[in-house]
Amino acid sequence: MLLKLMLLAFVALFIGRILFAKKLKEMGRAADRTLNLCLIAIAIYLALQALLFYAV
């Protein structure tokens, strides 16, 4: 269940980043950097989960 929620959050943040790229630039580097770090953290978590799931 947690994996599904993380995947939905990743997809939502990724699509939101694409759709609101101009607005993020107006908000400044801090907002863009925060979103990037959040996306990277979720991607690493999902990759580790996939690795553990398919390794067995």
PDB file of N, CA and C in Angstrom:
ATOM      1  N   MET A   1       0.821  -1.187   0.000  1.00  0.00           N
ATOM      2  CA  MET A   1       0.000   0.000   0.000  1.00  0.00           C
ATOM      3  C   MET A   1       0.869   1.257   0.000  1.00  0.00           C
ATOM      4  N   LEU A   2       1.912   1.246   0.837  1.00  0.00           N
ATOM      5  CA  LEU A   2       2.813   2.394   0.898  1.00  0.00           C
ATOM      6  C   LEU A   2       3.503   2.601  -0.439  1.00  0.00           C
ATOM      7  N   LEU A   3       3.864   1.508  -1.080  1.00  0.00           N
ATOM      8  CA  LEU A   3       4.528   1.603  -2.378  1.00  0.00           C
ATOM      9  C   LEU A   3       3.610   2.244  -3.419  1.00  0.00           C
ATOM     10  N   LYS A   4       2.350   1.899  -3.398  1.00  0.00           N
ATOM     11  CA  LYS A   4       1.397   2.496  -4.336  1.00  0.00           C
ATOM     12  C   LYS A   4       1.236   3.993  -4.079  1.00  0.00           C
ATOM     13  N   LEU A   5       1.178   4.385  -2.818  1.00  0.00           N
ATOM     14  CA  LEU A   5       1.060   5.796  -2.476  1.00  0.00           C
ATOM     15  C   LEU A   5       2.312   6.574  -2.898  1.00  0.00           C
ATOM     16  N   MET A   6       3.476   5.976  -2.693  1.00  0.00           N
ATOM     17  CA  MET A   6       4.722   6.635  -3.095  1.00  0.00           C
ATOM     18  C   MET A   6       4.784   6.773  -4.612  1.00  0.00           C
ATOM     19  N   LEU A   7       4.325   5.762  -5.328  1.00  0.00           N
ATOM     20  CA  LEU A   7       4.317   5.821  -6.779  1.00  0.00           C
ATOM     21  C   LEU A   7       3.360   6.904  -7.270  1.00  0.00           C
ATOM     22  N   LEU A   8       2.198   7.004  -6.661  1.00  0.00           N
ATOM     23  CA  LEU A   8       1.255   8.061  -7.027  1.00  0.00           C
ATOM     24  C   LEU A   8       1.820   9.444  -6.720  1.00  0.00           C
ATOM     25  N   ALA A   9       2.496   9.579  -5.586  1.00  0.00           N
ATOM     26  CA  ALA A   9       3.110  10.866  -5.238  1.00  0.00           C
ATOM     27  C   ALA A   9       4.195  11.227  -6.235  1.00  0.00           C
ATOM     28  N   PHE A  10       4.988  10.245  -6.641  1.00  0.00           N
ATOM     29  CA  PHE A  10       6.057  10.489  -7.609  1.00  0.00           C
ATOM     30  C   PHE A  10       5.478  10.957  -8.941  1.00  0.00           C
ATOM     31  N   VAL A  11       4.461  10.275  -9.417  1.00  0.00           N
ATOM     32  CA  VAL A  11       3.845  10.637 -10.692  1.00  0.00           C
ATOM     33  C   VAL A  11       3.206  12.026 -10.603  1.00  0.00           C
ATOM     34  N   ALA A  12       2.512  12.290  -9.503  1.00  0.00           N
ATOM     35  CA  ALA A  12       1.865  13.592  -9.338  1.00  0.00           C
ATOM     36  C   ALA A  12       2.892  14.722  -9.277  1.00  0.00           C
ATOM     37  N   LEU A  13       3.973  14.522  -8.535  1.00  0.00           N
ATOM     38  CA  LEU A  13       5.008  15.546  -8.452  1.00  0.00           C
ATOM     39  C   LEU A  13       5.714  15.747  -9.789  1.00  0.00           C
ATOM     40  N   PHE A  14       5.949  14.663 -10.504  1.00  0.00           N
ATOM     41  CA  PHE A  14       6.628  14.761 -11.796  1.00  0.00           C
ATOM     42  C   PHE A  14       5.767  15.519 -12.808  1.00  0.00           C
ATOM     43  N   ILE A  15       4.490  15.183 -12.865  1.00  0.00           N
ATOM     44  CA  ILE A  15       3.579  15.873 -13.790  1.00  0.00           C
ATOM     45  C   ILE A  15       3.386  17.327 -13.352  1.00  0.00           C
ATOM     46  N   GLY A  16       3.285  17.550 -12.056  1.00  0.00           N
ATOM     47  CA  GLY A  16       3.172  18.917 -11.554  1.00  0.00           C
ATOM     48  C   GLY A  16       4.396  19.749 -11.869  1.00  0.00           C
ATOM     49  N   ARG A  17       5.555  19.130 -11.802  1.00  0.00           N
ATOM     50  CA  ARG A  17       6.788  19.849 -12.127  1.00  0.00           C
ATOM     51  C   ARG A  17       6.798  20.252 -13.596  1.00  0.00           C
ATOM     52  N   ILE A  18       6.326  19.389 -14.457  1.00  0.00           N
ATOM     53  CA  ILE A  18       6.278  19.699 -15.889  1.00  0.00           C
ATOM     54  C   ILE A  18       5.254  20.802 -16.158  1.00  0.00           C
ATOM     55  N   LEU A  19       4.070  20.690 -15.565  1.00  0.00           N
ATOM     56  CA  LEU A  19       3.007  21.648 -15.839  1.00  0.00           C
ATOM     57  C   LEU A  19       3.267  23.026 -15.232  1.00  0.00           C
ATOM     58  N   PHE A  20       3.927  23.063 -14.083  1.00  0.00           N
ATOM     59  CA  PHE A  20       4.124  24.326 -13.386  1.00  0.00           C
ATOM     60  C   PHE A  20       5.584  24.760 -13.353  1.00  0.00           C
ATOM     61  N   ALA A  21       6.339  24.423 -14.386  1.00  0.00           N
ATOM     62  CA  ALA A  21       7.759  24.767 -14.422  1.00  0.00           C
ATOM     63  C   ALA A  21       7.971  26.273 -14.387  1.00  0.00           C
ATOM     64  N   LYS A  22       7.147  27.009 -15.104  1.00  0.00           N
ATOM     65  CA  LYS A  22       7.301  28.465 -15.132  1.00  0.00           C
ATOM     66  C   LYS A  22       7.013  29.066 -13.756  1.00  0.00           C
ATOM     67  N   LYS A  23       5.992  28.572 -13.102  1.00  0.00           N
ATOM     68  CA  LYS A  23       5.631  29.081 -11.776  1.00  0.00           C
ATOM     69  C   LYS A  23       6.727  28.761 -10.757  1.00  0.00           C
ATOM     70  N   LEU A  24       7.354  27.584 -10.885  1.00  0.00           N
ATOM     71  CA  LEU A  24       8.429  27.230  -9.964  1.00  0.00           C
ATOM     72  C   LEU A  24       9.625  28.158 -10.135  1.00  0.00           C
ATOM     73  N   LYS A  25       9.908  28.544 -11.374  1.00  0.00           N
ATOM     74  CA  LYS A  25      11.014  29.471 -11.593  1.00  0.00           C
ATOM     75  C   LYS A  25      10.721  30.821 -10.970  1.00  0.00           C
ATOM     76  N   GLU A  26       9.464  31.231 -11.001  1.00  0.00           N
ATOM     77  CA  GLU A  26       9.083  32.491 -10.372  1.00  0.00           C
ATOM     78  C   GLU A  26       9.206  32.395  -8.846  1.00  0.00           C
ATOM     79  N   MET A  27       8.945  31.229  -8.293  1.00  0.00           N
ATOM     80  CA  MET A  27       9.024  31.055  -6.846  1.00  0.00           C
ATOM     81  C   MET A  27      10.466  31.019  -6.366  1.00  0.00           C
ATOM     82  N   GLY A  28      11.376  30.739  -7.262  1.00  0.00           N
ATOM     83  CA  GLY A  28      12.786  30.768  -6.894  1.00  0.00           C
ATOM     84  C   GLY A  28      13.430  29.400  -6.889  1.00  0.00           C
ATOM     85  N   ARG A  29      14.721  29.442  -6.643  1.00  0.00           N
ATOM     86  CA  ARG A  29      15.501  28.207  -6.652  1.00  0.00           C
ATOM     87  C   ARG A  29      15.160  27.277  -5.498  1.00  0.00           C
ATOM     88  N   ALA A  30      14.787  27.828  -4.373  1.00  0.00           N
ATOM     89  CA  ALA A  30      14.510  26.993  -3.201  1.00  0.00           C
ATOM     90  C   ALA A  30      13.348  26.041  -3.472  1.00  0.00           C
ATOM     91  N   ALA A  31      12.287  26.532  -4.086  1.00  0.00           N
ATOM     92  CA  ALA A  31      11.136  25.674  -4.381  1.00  0.00           C
ATOM     93  C   ALA A  31      11.505  24.617  -5.415  1.00  0.00           C
ATOM     94  N   ASP A  32      12.259  25.010  -6.431  1.00  0.00           N
ATOM     95  CA  ASP A  32      12.669  24.063  -7.470  1.00  0.00           C
ATOM     96  C   ASP A  32      13.596  23.000  -6.890  1.00  0.00           C
ATOM     97  N   ARG A  33      14.522  23.415  -6.057  1.00  0.00           N
ATOM     98  CA  ARG A  33      15.468  22.478  -5.452  1.00  0.00           C
ATOM     99  C   ARG A  33      14.745  21.524  -4.502  1.00  0.00           C
ATOM    100  N   THR A  34      13.784  22.027  -3.748  1.00  0.00           N
ATOM    101  CA  THR A  34      13.029  21.188  -2.827  1.00  0.00           C
ATOM    102  C   THR A  34      12.239  20.121  -3.580  1.00  0.00           C
ATOM    103  N   LEU A  35      11.601  20.524  -4.667  1.00  0.00           N
ATOM    104  CA  LEU A  35      10.846  19.562  -5.465  1.00  0.00           C
ATOM    105  C   LEU A  35      11.768  18.525  -6.090  1.00  0.00           C
ATOM    106  N   ASN A  36      12.918  18.952  -6.584  1.00  0.00           N
ATOM    107  CA  ASN A  36      13.882  18.014  -7.153  1.00  0.00           C
ATOM    108  C   ASN A  36      14.358  17.003  -6.120  1.00  0.00           C
ATOM    109  N   LEU A  37      14.668  17.466  -4.925  1.00  0.00           N
ATOM    110  CA  LEU A  37      15.122  16.552  -3.873  1.00  0.00           C
ATOM    111  C   LEU A  37      14.032  15.570  -3.470  1.00  0.00           C
ATOM    112  N   CYS A  38      12.812  16.022  -3.430  1.00  0.00           N
ATOM    113  CA  CYS A  38      11.694  15.142  -3.094  1.00  0.00           C
ATOM    114  C   CYS A  38      11.516  14.071  -4.174  1.00  0.00           C
ATOM    115  N   LEU A  39      11.591  14.484  -5.431  1.00  0.00           N
ATOM    116  CA  LEU A  39      11.484  13.519  -6.526  1.00  0.00           C
ATOM    117  C   LEU A  39      12.624  12.506  -6.501  1.00  0.00           C
ATOM    118  N   ILE A  40      13.819  12.957  -6.223  1.00  0.00           N
ATOM    119  CA  ILE A  40      14.966  12.050  -6.159  1.00  0.00           C
ATOM    120  C   ILE A  40      14.811  11.057  -5.012  1.00  0.00           C
ATOM    121  N   ALA A  41      14.365  11.537  -3.850  1.00  0.00           N
ATOM    122  CA  ALA A  41      14.176  10.653  -2.698  1.00  0.00           C
ATOM    123  C   ALA A  41      13.127   9.584  -2.988  1.00  0.00           C
ATOM    124  N   ILE A  42      12.033   9.975  -3.593  1.00  0.00           N
ATOM    125  CA  ILE A  42      10.986   9.003  -3.920  1.00  0.00           C
ATOM    126  C   ILE A  42      11.483   8.019  -4.975  1.00  0.00           C
ATOM    127  N   ALA A  43      12.224   8.499  -5.974  1.00  0.00           N
ATOM    128  CA  ALA A  43      12.747   7.617  -7.027  1.00  0.00           C
ATOM    129  C   ALA A  43      13.722   6.598  -6.446  1.00  0.00           C
ATOM    130  N   ILE A  44      14.576   7.018  -5.534  1.00  0.00           N
ATOM    131  CA  ILE A  44      15.513   6.086  -4.899  1.00  0.00           C
ATOM    132  C   ILE A  44      14.760   5.042  -4.095  1.00  0.00           C
ATOM    133  N   TYR A  45      13.751   5.463  -3.344  1.00  0.00           N
ATOM    134  CA  TYR A  45      12.954   4.524  -2.565  1.00  0.00           C
ATOM    135  C   TYR A  45      12.262   3.500  -3.469  1.00  0.00           C
ATOM    136  N   LEU A  46      11.661   3.984  -4.559  1.00  0.00           N
ATOM    137  CA  LEU A  46      10.978   3.062  -5.480  1.00  0.00           C
ATOM    138  C   LEU A  46      11.957   2.114  -6.149  1.00  0.00           C
ATOM    139  N   ALA A  47      13.123   2.596  -6.499  1.00  0.00           N
ATOM    140  CA  ALA A  47      14.136   1.733  -7.118  1.00  0.00           C
ATOM    141  C   ALA A  47      14.603   0.656  -6.144  1.00  0.00           C
ATOM    142  N   LEU A  48      14.822   1.023  -4.896  1.00  0.00           N
ATOM    143  CA  LEU A  48      15.223   0.026  -3.901  1.00  0.00           C
ATOM    144  C   LEU A  48      14.128  -0.999  -3.656  1.00  0.00           C
ATOM    145  N   GLN A  49      12.892  -0.557  -3.606  1.00  0.00           N
ATOM    146  CA  GLN A  49      11.778  -1.494  -3.426  1.00  0.00           C
ATOM    147  C   GLN A  49      11.696  -2.467  -4.603  1.00  0.00           C
ATOM    148  N   ALA A  50      11.843  -1.951  -5.807  1.00  0.00           N
ATOM    149  CA  ALA A  50      11.795  -2.817  -7.001  1.00  0.00           C
ATOM    150  C   ALA A  50      12.952  -3.811  -6.986  1.00  0.00           C
ATOM    151  N   LEU A  51      14.128  -3.329  -6.596  1.00  0.00           N
ATOM    152  CA  LEU A  51      15.289  -4.199  -6.534  1.00  0.00           C
ATOM    153  C   LEU A  51      15.073  -5.320  -5.539  1.00  0.00           C
ATOM    154  N   LEU A  52      14.556  -4.993  -4.360  1.00  0.00           N
ATOM    155  CA  LEU A  52      14.301  -6.014  -3.348  1.00  0.00           C
ATOM    156  C   LEU A  52      13.187  -6.963  -3.759  1.00  0.00           C
ATOM    157  N   PHE A  53      12.174  -6.448  -4.433  1.00  0.00           N
ATOM    158  CA  PHE A  53      11.040  -7.268  -4.836  1.00  0.00           C
ATOM    159  C   PHE A  53      11.444  -8.258  -5.929  1.00  0.00           C
ATOM    160  N   TYR A  54      12.180  -7.796  -6.928  1.00  0.00           N
ATOM    161  CA  TYR A  54      12.516  -8.646  -8.059  1.00  0.00           C
ATOM    162  C   TYR A  54      13.771  -9.477  -7.813  1.00  0.00           C
ATOM    163  N   ALA A  55      14.521  -9.190  -6.767  1.00  0.00           N
ATOM    164  CA  ALA A  55      15.721  -9.964  -6.465  1.00  0.00           C
ATOM    165  C   ALA A  55      15.379 -11.309  -5.840  1.00  0.00           C
ATOM    166  N   VAL A  56      14.199 -11.405  -5.271  1.00  0.00           N
ATOM    167  CA  VAL A  56      13.802 -12.636  -4.573  1.00  0.00           C
ATOM    168  C   VAL A  56      13.192 -13.616  -5.530  1.00  0.00           C
TER     169      VAL A  56
END
